Protein backbone atom coordinates (compact mmCIF):
# COMPACT_ATOMS: atom_id res chain seq x y z
CA ARG A 1 35.96 -32.90 35.75
CA HIS A 2 36.51 -33.90 32.12
CA LEU A 3 33.65 -34.03 29.58
CA PRO A 4 33.33 -37.23 27.56
CA ASP A 5 34.32 -37.25 23.91
CA VAL A 6 30.69 -36.96 22.70
CA TYR A 7 28.36 -34.20 23.94
CA GLU A 8 24.64 -33.71 23.38
CA LEU A 9 23.63 -30.05 23.34
CA ARG A 10 20.11 -28.94 22.34
CA GLY A 11 19.58 -32.21 20.51
CA ALA A 12 22.69 -31.88 18.35
CA VAL A 13 25.71 -34.09 18.85
CA VAL A 14 29.24 -32.68 18.88
CA GLN A 15 32.16 -35.09 18.93
CA GLU A 16 35.76 -34.20 19.63
CA GLN A 17 38.01 -34.89 16.70
CA GLU A 18 41.54 -36.00 17.61
CA GLY A 19 41.58 -34.14 20.93
CA LEU A 20 40.43 -30.78 19.46
CA ALA A 21 37.51 -28.96 21.04
CA GLY A 22 34.25 -29.18 19.09
CA GLU A 23 32.24 -26.11 18.11
CA LEU A 24 28.50 -25.92 17.58
CA LEU A 25 26.60 -22.95 16.25
CA ALA A 26 23.37 -22.61 18.21
CA GLY A 27 21.18 -19.69 17.24
CA GLU A 28 23.44 -16.68 16.80
CA ALA A 29 25.99 -17.47 19.52
CA ALA A 30 28.85 -19.89 19.02
CA LEU A 31 29.19 -22.30 21.91
CA HIS A 32 32.76 -23.39 22.49
CA LEU A 33 33.48 -26.65 24.25
CA GLN A 34 36.74 -26.22 26.08
CA GLU A 35 38.85 -29.34 26.07
CA GLY A 36 39.28 -30.85 29.48
CA ALA A 37 37.60 -27.96 31.29
CA GLY A 38 34.07 -29.30 31.20
CA GLU A 39 32.59 -25.80 30.78
CA LEU A 40 30.63 -24.05 28.06
CA GLU A 41 31.62 -20.51 27.11
CA VAL A 42 28.94 -18.31 25.50
CA PRO A 43 30.31 -15.13 23.91
CA GLN A 44 28.55 -11.96 25.10
CA VAL A 45 27.59 -8.99 22.92
CA GLY A 46 29.06 -5.78 24.35
CA GLY A 47 27.43 -2.36 24.55
CA ALA A 48 29.60 -0.96 21.75
CA GLU A 49 28.56 -3.74 19.35
CA LEU A 50 24.89 -3.22 20.22
CA CYS A 51 25.21 0.53 19.53
CA ASP A 52 26.85 -0.28 16.18
CA VAL A 53 23.98 -2.59 15.21
CA VAL A 54 21.30 -0.09 16.29
CA GLY A 55 23.12 2.77 14.53
CA LEU A 56 23.40 0.75 11.34
CA GLY A 57 19.70 -0.15 11.51
CA VAL A 58 18.65 3.48 11.99
CA THR A 59 20.96 4.60 9.17
CA VAL A 60 19.52 2.02 6.77
CA LEU A 61 15.94 2.94 7.73
CA LEU A 62 16.55 6.67 7.28
CA SER A 63 18.28 6.01 3.93
CA ILE A 64 15.27 4.06 2.68
CA VAL A 65 12.88 6.82 3.79
CA LEU A 66 15.08 9.49 2.18
CA LEU A 67 15.27 7.57 -1.11
CA ALA A 68 11.49 7.08 -1.12
CA VAL A 69 10.85 10.78 -0.48
CA LEU A 70 13.35 11.95 -3.10
CA GLY A 71 12.17 9.37 -5.64
CA GLY A 72 8.55 10.35 -5.09
CA ALA A 73 9.36 14.04 -5.42
CA MET A 74 11.16 13.40 -8.71
CA LEU A 75 8.03 11.62 -9.98
CA GLY A 76 5.79 14.49 -8.85
CA LEU A 77 4.30 12.61 -5.91
CA GLN A 78 3.60 14.04 -2.46
CA ALA A 79 2.96 12.19 0.79
CA ALA A 80 0.87 13.39 3.73
CA VAL A 81 -0.23 11.93 7.04
CA VAL A 82 -4.02 11.75 7.57
CA ARG A 83 -4.73 13.38 10.93
CA SER A 84 -8.48 12.82 11.28
CA GLY A 85 -10.98 10.02 10.87
CA SER A 86 -13.19 11.88 8.38
CA MET A 87 -12.37 9.42 5.57
CA THR A 88 -12.88 6.27 7.66
CA PRO A 89 -13.15 3.42 6.69
CA THR A 90 -11.56 4.17 3.30
CA ILE A 91 -8.57 6.02 4.81
CA ALA A 92 -7.92 5.52 8.52
CA GLN A 93 -6.43 8.17 10.78
CA GLY A 94 -2.65 7.72 10.88
CA SER A 95 -2.42 6.47 7.28
CA VAL A 96 -0.10 8.03 4.73
CA VAL A 97 -1.66 9.13 1.44
CA VAL A 98 0.47 9.47 -1.67
CA SER A 99 -0.90 11.88 -4.24
CA GLU A 100 -0.08 13.32 -7.64
CA SER A 101 -0.93 16.82 -8.84
CA VAL A 102 -3.46 16.74 -11.67
CA PRO A 103 -5.34 19.48 -13.55
CA VAL A 104 -8.65 20.33 -11.88
CA SER A 105 -10.40 19.69 -15.21
CA SER A 106 -9.37 16.01 -15.08
CA LEU A 107 -10.95 15.35 -11.67
CA ARG A 108 -14.14 13.29 -11.52
CA PRO A 109 -16.71 12.69 -8.74
CA GLY A 110 -15.45 9.89 -6.52
CA ASP A 111 -11.79 10.96 -6.72
CA VAL A 112 -10.19 11.62 -3.34
CA VAL A 113 -8.47 15.01 -3.41
CA THR A 114 -6.62 17.24 -0.99
CA ARG A 115 -7.95 20.76 -0.60
CA PRO A 116 -5.12 23.28 -0.09
CA ALA A 117 -4.71 24.87 3.33
CA GLU A 118 -6.48 28.17 3.79
CA GLY A 119 -5.08 30.59 6.34
CA ALA A 120 -4.09 28.68 9.46
CA ALA A 121 -6.10 25.56 8.53
CA GLU A 122 -4.33 22.39 7.42
CA PRO A 123 -5.00 20.74 4.04
CA VAL A 124 -8.08 18.49 4.01
CA THR A 125 -8.33 15.19 2.12
CA HIS A 126 -11.93 14.32 1.16
CA ARG A 127 -13.88 12.66 -1.66
CA LEU A 128 -14.95 14.87 -4.58
CA VAL A 129 -18.76 15.02 -4.87
CA SER A 130 -18.86 17.47 -7.79
CA ALA A 131 -16.73 19.93 -9.73
CA THR A 132 -18.59 22.59 -11.71
CA ARG A 133 -16.84 25.08 -13.97
CA GLN A 134 -17.99 28.67 -13.44
CA GLY A 135 -16.02 30.94 -15.77
CA ASP A 136 -12.38 30.94 -14.72
CA THR A 137 -12.97 28.91 -11.51
CA TYR A 138 -14.27 25.52 -10.46
CA LEU A 139 -16.83 25.17 -7.67
CA MET A 140 -15.70 22.07 -5.75
CA GLN A 141 -17.91 20.08 -3.40
CA THR A 142 -16.16 17.50 -1.23
CA ARG A 143 -17.16 15.36 1.74
CA GLY A 144 -15.36 12.96 4.05
CA ASP A 145 -16.68 9.40 3.80
CA ALA A 146 -17.48 9.41 7.54
CA ASN A 147 -19.06 12.90 7.49
CA GLU A 148 -22.75 13.68 7.06
CA SER A 149 -22.11 17.10 5.50
CA GLY A 150 -19.54 18.36 3.06
CA GLU A 151 -17.78 21.57 2.12
CA THR A 152 -17.87 23.85 -0.91
CA TRP A 153 -14.83 25.78 -2.14
CA THR A 154 -13.41 27.24 -5.34
CA VAL A 155 -10.14 26.92 -7.24
CA PRO A 156 -8.87 28.61 -10.41
CA ALA A 157 -9.77 26.60 -13.53
CA ASP A 158 -6.13 26.38 -14.63
CA SER A 159 -4.83 25.04 -11.29
CA THR A 160 -3.87 21.56 -10.16
CA LEU A 161 -4.91 19.60 -7.07
CA PRO A 162 -3.41 16.56 -5.36
CA ARG A 163 -5.40 13.41 -6.22
CA ILE A 164 -4.78 10.40 -3.96
CA ARG A 165 -3.14 7.46 -5.75
CA TRP A 166 -2.13 5.19 -2.86
CA VAL A 167 -2.90 4.77 0.81
CA VAL A 168 -0.37 3.22 3.18
CA PRO A 169 -2.23 2.32 6.38
CA SER A 170 -0.91 2.74 9.92
CA ILE A 171 2.56 4.17 9.30
CA GLY A 172 1.71 7.85 9.51
CA ASP A 173 1.99 8.06 13.28
CA GLY A 174 5.52 6.64 13.13
CA ILE A 175 6.48 9.07 10.39
CA ALA A 176 5.04 11.98 12.37
CA VAL A 177 7.15 10.96 15.38
CA LEU A 178 10.25 10.65 13.18
CA ARG A 179 9.59 14.10 11.68
CA SER A 180 9.22 15.68 15.10
CA HIS A 181 12.36 13.97 16.41
CA LEU A 182 14.41 13.96 13.18
CA VAL A 183 17.15 16.20 14.56
CA LEU A 184 17.44 14.02 17.66
CA VAL A 185 17.57 10.80 15.60
CA LEU A 186 20.18 12.21 13.21
CA GLY A 187 22.23 13.44 16.16
CA LEU A 188 22.17 9.99 17.73
CA VAL A 189 23.24 8.38 14.46
CA VAL A 190 26.14 10.82 14.10
CA ILE A 191 27.24 10.42 17.72
CA GLY A 192 26.77 6.64 17.74
CA GLY A 193 28.24 6.14 14.26
């Protein structure tokens, strides 16, 4: 069966020009009208091409993350994933906080700071309630916005603490997964690339 000289495909009209087959780009696939055959041929994406696209996407994503981490480190910034809801609603669990190290003497009540890890405990990010100088130390009182009670701790007067500058909501869980599977992801990129 032979197709007529004018075809309607998805609302667009394709007309044969001097016996040559017409070509219409629909979405991302090129549809080829074969002269005289009356059939449409839709090119298929193979497994190798799909792996190339996925590998390229992962490589670009990891490059962006690496540049952000290195750039932040060069500017004296640190990033951390918030693992609890103690600062809700200000900072939700799973958010990433970006902080800068500042002298303890420059901190003011209301600043959100990260207390260094003690022993096996992880660092804690809470709001500063008060900072009182006592000789060569500061007595720090902090409390999570969602907590009813706070904590008291000391730091040397000449030390620095991370003060939160930015909060990036909801991406911390993804970053934590990437960190835990970084070797696997890099291996896949190398093997697939």
